[in-house]
Amino acid sequence: MDRIQKALDKAREKAASQPAPVRTPSQQQPSLPEDPLESPITDIEYTQTKVVPASADQLAEKRIIAGLYNNPNSAVFRMLRTQVLKKMRSNNWQTLAVTSPTAGEGKSVVAANLAVAIAMELNQTVLLVDMDLRNPSISNYFSLNASIGLKEYLESNLRLSDVLMNPGIKRLVVLPGVGRAEDSAELLSSPKMAQLVEDIKAQYDSRVIIFDVPPLLQTDDVLLSTNYFDSALLVLEDGKNNEANIKKSLQMLEGTHLLGTVMNKAEHPPEHQNY
């Protein structure tokens, strides 16, 4: 834990000593198609988004527990939600990337649970995008059985509404991933991907958009797409990463506002979770 904290402190000091990057305003976008998520925040009825309800048992089996009040571990994700939303709202940030140094550290589970927890707020809607094109898993976590997703959208002339899905949770919509894209770097750096991000940010300006992105140290996908994100969360499996991996991961996230780190699979649970 000491080496992780030292690495984080050093990265924050370096970021504080550098001037903030200047962002040029985006070119004015043409009129956009009807927002397939547009609905009142209460009494939502999805007409353009496929609804595939997942039962509480299905969600619990896949470790999506943020909405299960009878599960003592669910409080951890609701507390994470409060901390994340406080920082994002105070800075007017809309997009959040969830990543990890290496595979298997639990970033997708954290992203999915965080999305559910945020959607539980009556005044907030969420779009969860599975951007891990080489190993998409969000569809599986919500038992969506998706047949098309982000890869197919980028490779064809599908409408966004064709690929969006609702897992039966109000105020939450998922853009899933399907299969494995060996050319993930090219797809994520394509003009169509850049346009997609611009469109969903413009169309869903009142929504939090969470991107489940690939591990930092195993592909160049995240480096090619950091300009899509306002902020990021770094998920670390307890005891898995050495100091060099953590430092390199933080360096790769430079230029993106790091909200903090999530220690996953910790040996000792947080003291507050059984309050």
Protein backbone atom coordinates (compact mmCIF):
# COMPACT_ATOMS: atom_id res chain seq x y z
CA MET A 1 0.00 0.00 0.00
CA ASP A 2 2.87 2.41 0.76
CA ARG A 3 4.39 2.05 -2.69
CA ILE A 4 1.01 2.62 -4.32
CA GLN A 5 0.42 5.78 -2.29
CA LYS A 6 3.92 7.09 -3.07
CA ALA A 7 3.39 6.54 -6.78
CA LEU A 8 0.03 8.30 -6.69
CA ASP A 9 1.40 11.24 -4.69
CA LYS A 10 4.30 11.65 -7.12
CA ALA A 11 1.94 11.62 -10.10
CA ARG A 12 -0.34 14.23 -8.51
CA GLU A 13 2.63 16.52 -7.74
CA LYS A 14 3.81 16.26 -11.34
CA ALA A 15 0.34 17.00 -12.68
CA ALA A 16 -0.07 20.00 -10.39
CA SER A 17 3.21 21.53 -11.62
CA GLN A 18 2.17 21.39 -15.27
CA PRO A 19 -0.18 23.87 -16.95
CA ALA A 20 -3.61 22.55 -17.80
CA PRO A 21 -3.95 21.49 -21.45
CA VAL A 22 -5.75 23.93 -23.70
CA ARG A 23 -8.71 22.33 -25.44
CA THR A 24 -10.01 23.87 -28.63
CA PRO A 25 -13.79 24.06 -28.88
CA SER A 26 -15.37 21.36 -31.00
CA GLN A 27 -16.68 22.34 -34.39
CA GLN A 28 -20.39 22.92 -34.45
CA GLN A 29 -22.18 19.65 -35.11
CA PRO A 30 -24.97 19.25 -37.65
CA SER A 31 -28.45 18.51 -36.38
CA LEU A 32 -28.41 15.13 -34.66
CA PRO A 33 -30.93 12.30 -34.97
CA GLU A 34 -33.53 11.77 -32.30
CA ASP A 35 -32.00 10.75 -29.00
CA PRO A 36 -32.95 7.06 -28.53
CA LEU A 37 -32.50 7.51 -24.77
CA GLU A 38 -34.64 10.63 -24.48
CA SER A 39 -37.23 10.02 -21.77
CA PRO A 40 -38.28 11.59 -18.49
CA ILE A 41 -35.94 10.53 -15.71
CA THR A 42 -38.93 9.12 -13.85
CA ASP A 43 -41.45 6.76 -15.45
CA ILE A 44 -39.04 5.90 -18.27
CA GLU A 45 -40.35 3.93 -21.23
CA TYR A 46 -37.78 2.79 -23.81
CA THR A 47 -39.22 2.79 -27.33
CA GLN A 48 -36.03 2.77 -29.44
CA THR A 49 -33.81 0.76 -27.11
CA LYS A 50 -34.06 -3.01 -26.79
CA VAL A 51 -35.01 -4.01 -23.25
CA VAL A 52 -33.56 -7.29 -21.92
CA PRO A 53 -34.37 -7.44 -18.20
CA ALA A 54 -31.89 -9.20 -15.96
CA SER A 55 -33.22 -10.68 -12.72
CA ALA A 56 -31.70 -9.90 -9.35
CA ASP A 57 -30.41 -13.47 -9.18
CA GLN A 58 -28.75 -13.15 -12.60
CA LEU A 59 -27.08 -9.90 -11.58
CA ALA A 60 -25.91 -11.29 -8.25
CA GLU A 61 -24.48 -14.39 -9.96
CA LYS A 62 -22.39 -12.09 -12.21
CA ARG A 63 -21.34 -9.91 -9.20
CA ILE A 64 -23.45 -6.91 -10.25
CA ILE A 65 -24.63 -6.09 -6.74
CA ALA A 66 -24.77 -2.28 -6.49
CA GLY A 67 -28.58 -2.30 -6.55
CA LEU A 68 -28.99 -5.19 -4.12
CA TYR A 69 -29.48 -3.59 -0.70
CA ASN A 70 -29.52 -6.98 1.00
CA ASN A 71 -25.93 -7.55 -0.09
CA PRO A 72 -23.56 -5.89 2.41
CA ASN A 73 -20.92 -5.33 -0.27
CA SER A 74 -23.27 -3.19 -2.36
CA ALA A 75 -22.69 -0.15 -0.13
CA VAL A 76 -19.10 0.08 -1.40
CA PHE A 77 -20.29 0.90 -4.92
CA ARG A 78 -22.86 3.43 -3.74
CA MET A 79 -20.14 5.22 -1.77
CA LEU A 80 -17.89 5.13 -4.85
CA ARG A 81 -20.78 6.62 -6.85
CA THR A 82 -21.10 9.52 -4.44
CA GLN A 83 -17.39 10.29 -4.59
CA VAL A 84 -17.24 10.04 -8.39
CA LEU A 85 -20.33 12.18 -9.01
CA LYS A 86 -19.14 14.85 -6.59
CA LYS A 87 -15.88 15.29 -8.52
CA MET A 88 -17.47 15.05 -11.96
CA ARG A 89 -20.26 17.53 -11.21
CA SER A 90 -17.95 20.05 -9.57
CA ASN A 91 -15.82 20.08 -12.73
CA ASN A 92 -18.67 19.72 -15.23
CA TRP A 93 -17.19 16.46 -16.52
CA GLN A 94 -19.42 14.07 -18.42
CA THR A 95 -17.29 11.09 -19.43
CA LEU A 96 -15.40 8.60 -17.28
CA ALA A 97 -13.03 5.80 -18.33
CA VAL A 98 -12.57 2.78 -16.05
CA THR A 99 -9.34 0.87 -16.62
CA SER A 100 -6.60 -1.14 -14.92
CA PRO A 101 -2.90 -1.87 -15.50
CA THR A 102 -3.47 -5.50 -16.56
CA ALA A 103 -6.30 -7.89 -17.35
CA GLY A 104 -8.26 -9.69 -14.65
CA GLU A 105 -8.17 -6.93 -12.03
CA GLY A 106 -11.94 -6.38 -12.07
CA LYS A 107 -12.29 -3.12 -14.01
CA SER A 108 -15.41 -4.27 -15.91
CA VAL A 109 -17.15 -5.40 -12.72
CA VAL A 110 -16.36 -2.02 -11.14
CA ALA A 111 -17.57 -0.14 -14.25
CA ALA A 112 -20.83 -2.11 -14.37
CA ASN A 113 -21.56 -1.72 -10.65
CA LEU A 114 -20.71 1.97 -10.73
CA ALA A 115 -23.09 2.47 -13.67
CA VAL A 116 -25.89 0.72 -11.77
CA ALA A 117 -25.22 2.75 -8.62
CA ILE A 118 -25.31 6.05 -10.54
CA ALA A 119 -28.51 5.03 -12.34
CA MET A 120 -30.13 4.48 -8.94
CA GLU A 121 -30.10 8.26 -8.43
CA LEU A 122 -33.49 9.55 -9.54
CA ASN A 123 -31.99 12.62 -11.21
CA GLN A 124 -29.24 10.89 -13.16
CA THR A 125 -29.11 8.65 -16.23
CA VAL A 126 -26.12 6.63 -17.42
CA LEU A 127 -24.74 5.29 -20.68
CA LEU A 128 -22.27 2.42 -20.19
CA VAL A 129 -20.06 1.77 -23.23
CA ASP A 130 -18.04 -1.44 -23.57
CA MET A 131 -14.93 -0.09 -25.30
CA ASP A 132 -12.80 -3.15 -24.53
CA LEU A 133 -13.04 -4.44 -28.10
CA ARG A 134 -10.57 -7.29 -27.60
CA ASN A 135 -12.32 -8.72 -24.56
CA PRO A 136 -15.85 -7.30 -24.22
CA SER A 137 -17.69 -8.49 -21.12
CA ILE A 138 -20.41 -5.98 -20.21
CA SER A 139 -23.10 -7.86 -22.18
CA ASN A 140 -22.30 -11.00 -20.19
CA TYR A 141 -22.42 -9.23 -16.83
CA PHE A 142 -25.96 -8.00 -17.56
CA SER A 143 -27.06 -11.24 -19.33
CA LEU A 144 -27.95 -9.23 -22.44
CA ASN A 145 -26.99 -11.91 -25.00
CA ALA A 146 -26.17 -9.13 -27.44
CA SER A 147 -25.65 -10.12 -31.08
CA ILE A 148 -24.28 -6.75 -32.23
CA GLY A 149 -22.33 -4.07 -30.42
CA LEU A 150 -19.72 -1.36 -30.72
CA LYS A 151 -17.50 -3.30 -33.14
CA GLU A 152 -20.39 -3.88 -35.55
CA TYR A 153 -21.51 -0.27 -35.24
CA LEU A 154 -18.04 0.97 -36.20
CA GLU A 155 -17.74 -1.46 -39.11
CA SER A 156 -21.15 -0.93 -40.71
CA ASN A 157 -24.02 1.51 -41.20
CA LEU A 158 -25.98 0.61 -38.09
CA ARG A 159 -27.88 3.28 -36.20
CA LEU A 160 -26.91 3.89 -32.61
CA SER A 161 -30.40 2.85 -31.51
CA ASP A 162 -29.79 -0.55 -33.17
CA VAL A 163 -27.07 -1.47 -30.67
CA LEU A 164 -28.24 0.16 -27.43
CA MET A 165 -29.78 -2.10 -24.78
CA ASN A 166 -31.47 -1.64 -21.42
CA PRO A 167 -30.92 -4.39 -18.80
CA GLY A 168 -34.21 -3.68 -17.07
CA ILE A 169 -32.63 -1.06 -14.79
CA LYS A 170 -34.21 2.37 -15.03
CA ARG A 171 -31.97 5.20 -16.23
CA LEU A 172 -29.25 2.80 -17.45
CA VAL A 173 -28.52 2.01 -21.10
CA VAL A 174 -25.65 -0.16 -22.35
CA LEU A 175 -23.70 -0.01 -25.61
CA PRO A 176 -22.34 -3.58 -25.46
CA GLY A 177 -19.45 -5.30 -27.17
CA VAL A 178 -19.59 -8.61 -29.03
CA GLY A 179 -16.77 -10.90 -30.09
CA ARG A 180 -13.11 -9.96 -30.40
CA ALA A 181 -11.72 -7.23 -32.65
CA GLU A 182 -8.08 -7.85 -33.54
CA ASP A 183 -8.01 -4.41 -35.19
CA SER A 184 -9.28 -2.69 -32.04
CA ALA A 185 -6.66 0.08 -32.18
CA GLU A 186 -7.67 1.02 -35.69
CA LEU A 187 -11.37 0.97 -34.83
CA LEU A 188 -10.95 3.10 -31.70
CA SER A 189 -8.84 5.67 -33.54
CA SER A 190 -11.18 5.81 -36.55
CA PRO A 191 -13.13 8.95 -37.53
CA LYS A 192 -16.38 7.05 -36.91
CA MET A 193 -15.39 6.36 -33.28
CA ALA A 194 -14.44 9.99 -32.74
CA GLN A 195 -17.77 11.05 -34.24
CA LEU A 196 -19.64 8.57 -32.04
CA VAL A 197 -18.10 10.06 -28.90
CA GLU A 198 -18.93 13.59 -30.07
CA ASP A 199 -22.50 12.55 -30.84
CA ILE A 200 -23.24 10.76 -27.58
CA LYS A 201 -21.74 13.64 -25.58
CA ALA A 202 -23.90 16.13 -27.47
CA GLN A 203 -27.08 14.05 -27.53
CA TYR A 204 -26.80 12.89 -23.92
CA ASP A 205 -25.45 16.08 -22.35
CA SER A 206 -27.30 15.43 -19.08
CA ARG A 207 -26.03 11.88 -18.77
CA VAL A 208 -22.93 10.34 -17.28
CA ILE A 209 -21.10 8.27 -19.89
CA ILE A 210 -18.89 5.47 -18.54
CA PHE A 211 -16.39 3.75 -20.85
CA ASP A 212 -15.08 0.33 -19.86
CA VAL A 213 -11.70 0.50 -21.62
CA PRO A 214 -8.90 -2.08 -22.08
CA PRO A 215 -6.02 -2.62 -19.63
CA LEU A 216 -3.36 0.07 -19.95
CA LEU A 217 -0.25 -2.07 -20.19
CA GLN A 218 -1.41 -4.70 -22.69
CA THR A 219 -2.56 -2.70 -25.73
CA ASP A 220 -2.21 0.81 -27.12
CA ASP A 221 -6.01 1.18 -27.28
CA VAL A 222 -6.26 3.51 -24.29
CA LEU A 223 -3.44 5.75 -25.52
CA LEU A 224 -5.32 6.18 -28.79
CA SER A 225 -8.56 7.17 -27.06
CA THR A 226 -7.63 9.24 -23.99
CA ASN A 227 -8.95 12.41 -25.64
CA TYR A 228 -12.45 10.87 -25.48
CA PHE A 229 -12.49 10.95 -21.66
CA ASP A 230 -12.86 13.80 -19.18
CA SER A 231 -11.78 11.66 -16.26
CA ALA A 232 -10.64 8.17 -15.29
CA LEU A 233 -10.68 5.58 -12.51
CA LEU A 234 -7.79 3.17 -12.10
CA VAL A 235 -8.74 -0.26 -10.73
CA LEU A 236 -5.93 -2.13 -8.95
CA GLU A 237 -6.12 -5.70 -7.74
CA ASP A 238 -4.75 -5.82 -4.22
CA GLY A 239 -1.19 -7.17 -4.27
CA LYS A 240 -1.00 -7.79 -8.04
CA ASN A 241 0.91 -4.76 -9.34
CA ASN A 242 4.45 -3.70 -8.59
CA GLU A 243 5.48 -0.06 -8.29
CA ALA A 244 6.79 0.05 -11.88
CA ASN A 245 3.43 -1.05 -13.30
CA ILE A 246 1.56 1.53 -11.27
CA LYS A 247 3.91 4.36 -12.26
CA LYS A 248 3.69 3.42 -15.94
CA SER A 249 -0.10 3.26 -15.75
CA LEU A 250 -0.25 6.72 -14.18
CA GLN A 251 2.07 8.08 -16.86
CA MET A 252 -0.19 6.69 -19.58
CA LEU A 253 -3.16 8.50 -18.01
CA GLU A 254 -1.41 11.88 -17.98
CA GLY A 255 -3.66 14.46 -19.60
CA THR A 256 -6.76 12.70 -18.27
CA HIS A 257 -8.09 13.75 -14.87
CA LEU A 258 -7.56 10.78 -12.56
CA LEU A 259 -10.40 10.76 -10.04
CA GLY A 260 -8.67 8.13 -7.95
CA THR A 261 -7.95 4.43 -7.62
CA VAL A 262 -10.18 1.53 -6.63
CA MET A 263 -8.52 -1.26 -4.66
CA ASN A 264 -10.27 -4.42 -5.82
CA LYS A 265 -10.19 -7.94 -4.35
CA ALA A 266 -8.86 -6.49 -1.11
CA GLU A 267 -7.97 -8.95 1.64
CA HIS A 268 -9.68 -6.79 4.26
CA PRO A 269 -13.09 -5.24 3.48
CA PRO A 270 -13.74 -1.54 4.20
CA GLU A 271 -14.80 -0.90 7.79
CA HIS A 272 -17.91 1.05 6.76
CA GLN A 273 -19.57 -1.61 4.60
CA ASN A 274 -21.49 -3.34 7.40
CA TYR A 275 -22.76 -0.10 8.97
